[in-house]
Amino acid sequence: MTRAEKTILASSWGYALFTDVSVSPQSMCGVGAYIVLPLLFLEKPPEAVDPTDIADRLVMRRFKDTSSTKLEVQTVVWALEEYRKERQPQGTAKLLLYTDSQCVVGLQGRRAALESRGFISKKTQQELQNASLYRQYYRLADELVLQVIKVAGHSRSHSLDTVHTLFSMVDKAVRTELRFWIDTEE
């Protein structure tokens, strides 16, 4: 993408939101995190990204009674709600969401089928376990003019661009926080 194309994109999409989670299936607890950055921040070369600056902007939250799929959606919903509170009054909120969650990435493609069935499972004829989270996600996605971008998680360090560098920093932070939480609970 040329600089001119990035500038046009930046004027259309003002912010980038990165989310990631780390879960302990045994304890059913996890940590979710997000960071909101101006889209122009992504024009920096990867080596110019200051880890301290990212750590200062990173927001983390602990969740109990969760699973990996549930936590991915919980974290995105929480991050979108926080983004809306902080940025919405400043004008139309347009946002790029970067995630490695296949569930979150697939939600838009599943929307019509989920809504047409009323979030009821074909198999069990019961409401889907995460139905309320899906509803919240769709409401926020519509309100915020959200575009979801899939990031390959756990990329090799030599293949990192700025997006992957930022995502790796968020990923490392949530894993570190989860280990700390588990270690202090034992």
C-alpha atoms as a PDB file:
ATOM      1  CA  MET A   1       0.000   0.000   0.000  1.00  0.00           C
ATOM      2  CA  THR A   2       1.389   3.391  -0.947  1.00  0.00           C
ATOM      3  CA  ARG A   3       1.679   6.287   1.502  1.00  0.00           C
ATOM      4  CA  ALA A   4      -1.121   8.122  -0.338  1.00  0.00           C
ATOM      5  CA  GLU A   5      -3.394   5.071  -0.020  1.00  0.00           C
ATOM      6  CA  LYS A   6      -2.560   4.817   3.701  1.00  0.00           C
ATOM      7  CA  THR A   7      -3.382   8.506   4.182  1.00  0.00           C
ATOM      8  CA  ILE A   8      -6.740   8.054   2.456  1.00  0.00           C
ATOM      9  CA  LEU A   9      -7.397   4.969   4.582  1.00  0.00           C
ATOM     10  CA  ALA A  10      -6.406   6.856   7.744  1.00  0.00           C
ATOM     11  CA  SER A  11      -8.871   9.616   6.965  1.00  0.00           C
ATOM     12  CA  SER A  12     -11.617   7.009   6.530  1.00  0.00           C
ATOM     13  CA  TRP A  13     -10.665   4.762   9.440  1.00  0.00           C
ATOM     14  CA  GLY A  14      -9.346   6.773  12.347  1.00  0.00           C
ATOM     15  CA  TYR A  15      -8.283   4.080  14.803  1.00  0.00           C
ATOM     16  CA  ALA A  16      -6.915   0.566  15.047  1.00  0.00           C
ATOM     17  CA  LEU A  17      -8.005  -1.692  17.907  1.00  0.00           C
ATOM     18  CA  PHE A  18      -5.902  -4.742  18.761  1.00  0.00           C
ATOM     19  CA  THR A  19      -7.354  -7.425  21.059  1.00  0.00           C
ATOM     20  CA  ASP A  20      -6.007 -10.695  22.369  1.00  0.00           C
ATOM     21  CA  VAL A  21      -6.615 -13.134  25.209  1.00  0.00           C
ATOM     22  CA  SER A  22      -4.941 -15.865  27.189  1.00  0.00           C
ATOM     23  CA  VAL A  23      -6.980 -18.551  28.958  1.00  0.00           C
ATOM     24  CA  SER A  24      -6.332 -21.261  31.508  1.00  0.00           C
ATOM     25  CA  PRO A  25      -8.840 -24.019  30.659  1.00  0.00           C
ATOM     26  CA  GLN A  26      -8.228 -25.768  33.986  1.00  0.00           C
ATOM     27  CA  SER A  27      -9.168 -22.752  36.111  1.00  0.00           C
ATOM     28  CA  MET A  28     -11.620 -21.313  33.562  1.00  0.00           C
ATOM     29  CA  CYS A  29     -10.032 -17.897  33.997  1.00  0.00           C
ATOM     30  CA  GLY A  30      -8.358 -15.677  31.474  1.00  0.00           C
ATOM     31  CA  VAL A  31      -6.979 -12.283  30.669  1.00  0.00           C
ATOM     32  CA  GLY A  32      -8.172 -10.082  27.844  1.00  0.00           C
ATOM     33  CA  ALA A  33      -6.393  -6.978  26.607  1.00  0.00           C
ATOM     34  CA  TYR A  34      -6.803  -4.259  24.056  1.00  0.00           C
ATOM     35  CA  ILE A  35      -4.984  -1.242  22.736  1.00  0.00           C
ATOM     36  CA  VAL A  36      -6.390   1.585  20.634  1.00  0.00           C
ATOM     37  CA  LEU A  37      -3.998   3.447  18.372  1.00  0.00           C
ATOM     38  CA  PRO A  38      -4.443   6.099  15.702  1.00  0.00           C
ATOM     39  CA  LEU A  39      -4.348   4.336  12.369  1.00  0.00           C
ATOM     40  CA  LEU A  40      -1.402   6.475  11.255  1.00  0.00           C
ATOM     41  CA  PHE A  41       0.599   4.746  14.022  1.00  0.00           C
ATOM     42  CA  LEU A  42       0.623   1.662  11.776  1.00  0.00           C
ATOM     43  CA  GLU A  43       2.776   3.532   9.264  1.00  0.00           C
ATOM     44  CA  LYS A  44       5.736   3.349  11.632  1.00  0.00           C
ATOM     45  CA  PRO A  45       8.337   0.760  10.753  1.00  0.00           C
ATOM     46  CA  PRO A  46       8.247  -2.188  13.199  1.00  0.00           C
ATOM     47  CA  GLU A  47      11.593  -1.261  14.739  1.00  0.00           C
ATOM     48  CA  ALA A  48      10.246   2.217  15.611  1.00  0.00           C
ATOM     49  CA  VAL A  49       7.470   0.821  17.828  1.00  0.00           C
ATOM     50  CA  ASP A  50       8.394   1.592  21.434  1.00  0.00           C
ATOM     51  CA  PRO A  51       7.375  -1.303  23.732  1.00  0.00           C
ATOM     52  CA  THR A  52       7.094   1.096  26.692  1.00  0.00           C
ATOM     53  CA  ASP A  53       4.656   3.299  24.771  1.00  0.00           C
ATOM     54  CA  ILE A  54       2.548   0.252  23.919  1.00  0.00           C
ATOM     55  CA  ALA A  55       2.637  -1.070  27.500  1.00  0.00           C
ATOM     56  CA  ASP A  56       1.467   2.325  28.777  1.00  0.00           C
ATOM     57  CA  ARG A  57      -1.555   2.273  26.445  1.00  0.00           C
ATOM     58  CA  LEU A  58      -2.474  -1.395  26.926  1.00  0.00           C
ATOM     59  CA  VAL A  59      -5.638  -2.085  28.923  1.00  0.00           C
ATOM     60  CA  MET A  60      -6.076  -5.516  30.558  1.00  0.00           C
ATOM     61  CA  ARG A  61      -8.902  -7.205  32.396  1.00  0.00           C
ATOM     62  CA  ARG A  62      -9.242 -10.513  34.202  1.00  0.00           C
ATOM     63  CA  PHE A  63     -12.239 -12.749  33.489  1.00  0.00           C
ATOM     64  CA  LYS A  64     -13.504 -15.745  35.463  1.00  0.00           C
ATOM     65  CA  ASP A  65     -15.786 -18.592  34.401  1.00  0.00           C
ATOM     66  CA  THR A  66     -14.795 -18.352  30.745  1.00  0.00           C
ATOM     67  CA  SER A  67     -13.449 -20.364  27.827  1.00  0.00           C
ATOM     68  CA  SER A  68     -11.186 -19.335  24.965  1.00  0.00           C
ATOM     69  CA  THR A  69     -14.031 -18.684  22.502  1.00  0.00           C
ATOM     70  CA  LYS A  70     -16.146 -16.886  25.071  1.00  0.00           C
ATOM     71  CA  LEU A  71     -13.200 -14.784  26.238  1.00  0.00           C
ATOM     72  CA  GLU A  72     -12.312 -13.702  22.702  1.00  0.00           C
ATOM     73  CA  VAL A  73     -15.829 -12.305  22.213  1.00  0.00           C
ATOM     74  CA  GLN A  74     -16.032 -10.932  25.786  1.00  0.00           C
ATOM     75  CA  THR A  75     -12.792  -9.032  25.260  1.00  0.00           C
ATOM     76  CA  VAL A  76     -13.855  -7.590  21.913  1.00  0.00           C
ATOM     77  CA  VAL A  77     -17.241  -6.504  23.323  1.00  0.00           C
ATOM     78  CA  TRP A  78     -15.566  -4.937  26.370  1.00  0.00           C
ATOM     79  CA  ALA A  79     -12.980  -3.155  24.181  1.00  0.00           C
ATOM     80  CA  LEU A  80     -15.643  -1.872  21.776  1.00  0.00           C
ATOM     81  CA  GLU A  81     -17.750  -0.576  24.663  1.00  0.00           C
ATOM     82  CA  GLU A  82     -14.741   1.226  26.150  1.00  0.00           C
ATOM     83  CA  TYR A  83     -13.795   2.621  22.750  1.00  0.00           C
ATOM     84  CA  ARG A  84     -17.331   3.890  22.226  1.00  0.00           C
ATOM     85  CA  LYS A  85     -17.353   5.613  25.636  1.00  0.00           C
ATOM     86  CA  GLU A  86     -14.039   7.346  24.990  1.00  0.00           C
ATOM     87  CA  ARG A  87     -14.201   8.140  21.279  1.00  0.00           C
ATOM     88  CA  GLN A  88     -17.851   8.213  20.193  1.00  0.00           C
ATOM     89  CA  PRO A  89     -18.637  11.762  21.349  1.00  0.00           C
ATOM     90  CA  GLN A  90     -15.808  13.060  19.141  1.00  0.00           C
ATOM     91  CA  GLY A  91     -17.619  12.143  15.948  1.00  0.00           C
ATOM     92  CA  THR A  92     -18.417   9.158  13.814  1.00  0.00           C
ATOM     93  CA  ALA A  93     -16.544   6.157  15.135  1.00  0.00           C
ATOM     94  CA  LYS A  94     -14.851   4.141  12.414  1.00  0.00           C
ATOM     95  CA  LEU A  95     -12.582   1.383  13.538  1.00  0.00           C
ATOM     96  CA  LEU A  96     -10.316  -1.420  12.304  1.00  0.00           C
ATOM     97  CA  LEU A  97     -10.252  -4.396  14.691  1.00  0.00           C
ATOM     98  CA  TYR A  98      -7.169  -6.618  14.551  1.00  0.00           C
ATOM     99  CA  THR A  99      -7.619 -10.065  16.096  1.00  0.00           C
ATOM    100  CA  ASP A 100      -6.363 -13.611  15.706  1.00  0.00           C
ATOM    101  CA  SER A 101      -9.699 -15.034  16.862  1.00  0.00           C
ATOM    102  CA  GLN A 102     -11.317 -17.192  14.200  1.00  0.00           C
ATOM    103  CA  CYS A 103     -14.600 -16.897  16.111  1.00  0.00           C
ATOM    104  CA  VAL A 104     -14.597 -13.087  16.025  1.00  0.00           C
ATOM    105  CA  VAL A 105     -13.472 -12.997  12.395  1.00  0.00           C
ATOM    106  CA  GLY A 106     -16.255 -15.422  11.456  1.00  0.00           C
ATOM    107  CA  LEU A 107     -19.069 -13.636  13.282  1.00  0.00           C
ATOM    108  CA  GLN A 108     -19.949 -11.338  10.393  1.00  0.00           C
ATOM    109  CA  GLY A 109     -20.250 -14.263   8.001  1.00  0.00           C
ATOM    110  CA  ARG A 110     -22.414 -16.155  10.501  1.00  0.00           C
ATOM    111  CA  ARG A 111     -24.661 -13.209  11.323  1.00  0.00           C
ATOM    112  CA  ALA A 112     -27.542 -13.841   8.925  1.00  0.00           C
ATOM    113  CA  ALA A 113     -27.847 -17.495   9.919  1.00  0.00           C
ATOM    114  CA  LEU A 114     -27.573 -16.767  13.661  1.00  0.00           C
ATOM    115  CA  GLU A 115     -30.166 -14.007  13.543  1.00  0.00           C
ATOM    116  CA  SER A 116     -32.556 -15.959  11.323  1.00  0.00           C
ATOM    117  CA  ARG A 117     -32.518 -18.831  13.840  1.00  0.00           C
ATOM    118  CA  GLY A 118     -32.856 -16.435  16.786  1.00  0.00           C
ATOM    119  CA  PHE A 119     -29.461 -17.592  18.105  1.00  0.00           C
ATOM    120  CA  ILE A 120     -30.915 -21.075  18.627  1.00  0.00           C
ATOM    121  CA  SER A 121     -28.713 -24.113  18.041  1.00  0.00           C
ATOM    122  CA  LYS A 122     -29.842 -26.373  15.176  1.00  0.00           C
ATOM    123  CA  LYS A 123     -28.573 -29.375  17.089  1.00  0.00           C
ATOM    124  CA  THR A 124     -29.964 -28.781  20.599  1.00  0.00           C
ATOM    125  CA  GLN A 125     -32.774 -26.338  19.824  1.00  0.00           C
ATOM    126  CA  GLN A 126     -31.518 -24.279  22.784  1.00  0.00           C
ATOM    127  CA  GLU A 127     -30.138 -20.763  22.782  1.00  0.00           C
ATOM    128  CA  LEU A 128     -26.442 -20.661  21.965  1.00  0.00           C
ATOM    129  CA  GLN A 129     -24.184 -20.390  24.986  1.00  0.00           C
ATOM    130  CA  ASN A 130     -22.702 -17.077  23.842  1.00  0.00           C
ATOM    131  CA  ALA A 131     -25.866 -15.645  22.265  1.00  0.00           C
ATOM    132  CA  SER A 132     -25.979 -12.526  24.439  1.00  0.00           C
ATOM    133  CA  LEU A 133     -22.325 -11.755  23.623  1.00  0.00           C
ATOM    134  CA  TYR A 134     -22.989 -12.215  19.900  1.00  0.00           C
ATOM    135  CA  ARG A 135     -25.936  -9.815  20.086  1.00  0.00           C
ATOM    136  CA  GLN A 136     -23.816  -7.220  21.890  1.00  0.00           C
ATOM    137  CA  TYR A 137     -21.036  -7.644  19.343  1.00  0.00           C
ATOM    138  CA  TYR A 138     -23.392  -7.127  16.370  1.00  0.00           C
ATOM    139  CA  ARG A 139     -24.956  -4.041  17.962  1.00  0.00           C
ATOM    140  CA  LEU A 140     -21.550  -2.480  18.603  1.00  0.00           C
ATOM    141  CA  ALA A 141     -20.160  -3.491  15.196  1.00  0.00           C
ATOM    142  CA  ASP A 142     -23.080  -1.740  13.491  1.00  0.00           C
ATOM    143  CA  GLU A 143     -22.823   1.345  15.667  1.00  0.00           C
ATOM    144  CA  LEU A 144     -19.066   1.733  15.262  1.00  0.00           C
ATOM    145  CA  VAL A 145     -18.741   0.906  11.557  1.00  0.00           C
ATOM    146  CA  LEU A 146     -16.337  -1.890  12.409  1.00  0.00           C
ATOM    147  CA  GLN A 147     -14.042  -3.696   9.995  1.00  0.00           C
ATOM    148  CA  VAL A 148     -12.417  -6.890  11.320  1.00  0.00           C
ATOM    149  CA  ILE A 149      -8.960  -7.906  10.123  1.00  0.00           C
ATOM    150  CA  LYS A 150      -7.519 -11.356  10.831  1.00  0.00           C
ATOM    151  CA  VAL A 151      -3.976 -11.370  12.176  1.00  0.00           C
ATOM    152  CA  ALA A 152      -1.884 -14.506  12.007  1.00  0.00           C
ATOM    153  CA  GLY A 153      -1.074 -15.188  15.631  1.00  0.00           C
ATOM    154  CA  HIS A 154       2.391 -16.261  16.775  1.00  0.00           C
ATOM    155  CA  SER A 155       4.194 -15.115  13.623  1.00  0.00           C
ATOM    156  CA  ARG A 156       7.911 -15.732  13.267  1.00  0.00           C
ATOM    157  CA  SER A 157       9.849 -12.715  14.482  1.00  0.00           C
ATOM    158  CA  HIS A 158      11.670 -12.098  11.185  1.00  0.00           C
ATOM    159  CA  SER A 159       8.365 -11.866   9.294  1.00  0.00           C
ATOM    160  CA  LEU A 160       6.812  -9.201  11.511  1.00  0.00           C
ATOM    161  CA  ASP A 161       5.457  -5.992  10.065  1.00  0.00           C
ATOM    162  CA  THR A 162       4.136  -3.194  12.292  1.00  0.00           C
ATOM    163  CA  VAL A 163       0.713  -4.829  12.722  1.00  0.00           C
ATOM    164  CA  HIS A 164       2.257  -8.153  13.726  1.00  0.00           C
ATOM    165  CA  THR A 165       4.762  -6.421  15.993  1.00  0.00           C
ATOM    166  CA  LEU A 166       1.939  -4.649  17.830  1.00  0.00           C
ATOM    167  CA  PHE A 167      -0.159  -7.793  18.003  1.00  0.00           C
ATOM    168  CA  SER A 168       2.797  -9.775  19.367  1.00  0.00           C
ATOM    169  CA  MET A 169       3.233  -7.213  22.138  1.00  0.00           C
ATOM    170  CA  VAL A 170      -0.424  -7.550  23.146  1.00  0.00           C
ATOM    171  CA  ASP A 171      -0.177 -11.349  22.962  1.00  0.00           C
ATOM    172  CA  LYS A 172       2.922 -11.442  25.164  1.00  0.00           C
ATOM    173  CA  ALA A 173       1.334  -9.085  27.713  1.00  0.00           C
ATOM    174  CA  VAL A 174      -1.809 -11.203  28.164  1.00  0.00           C
ATOM    175  CA  ARG A 175       0.187 -14.419  28.513  1.00  0.00           C
ATOM    176  CA  THR A 176       2.463 -12.791  31.099  1.00  0.00           C
ATOM    177  CA  GLU A 177      -0.504 -11.390  33.046  1.00  0.00           C
ATOM    178  CA  LEU A 178      -2.303 -14.757  33.055  1.00  0.00           C
ATOM    179  CA  ARG A 179       0.823 -16.538  34.358  1.00  0.00           C
ATOM    180  CA  PHE A 180       1.189 -13.892  37.073  1.00  0.00           C
ATOM    181  CA  TRP A 181      -2.485 -14.241  38.058  1.00  0.00           C
ATOM    182  CA  ILE A 182      -2.319 -18.042  38.214  1.00  0.00           C
ATOM    183  CA  ASP A 183       0.972 -17.969  40.154  1.00  0.00           C
ATOM    184  CA  THR A 184      -0.421 -15.540  42.750  1.00  0.00           C
ATOM    185  CA  GLU A 185      -3.648 -17.543  43.174  1.00  0.00           C
ATOM    186  CA  GLU A 186      -1.867 -20.816  43.966  1.00  0.00           C
END
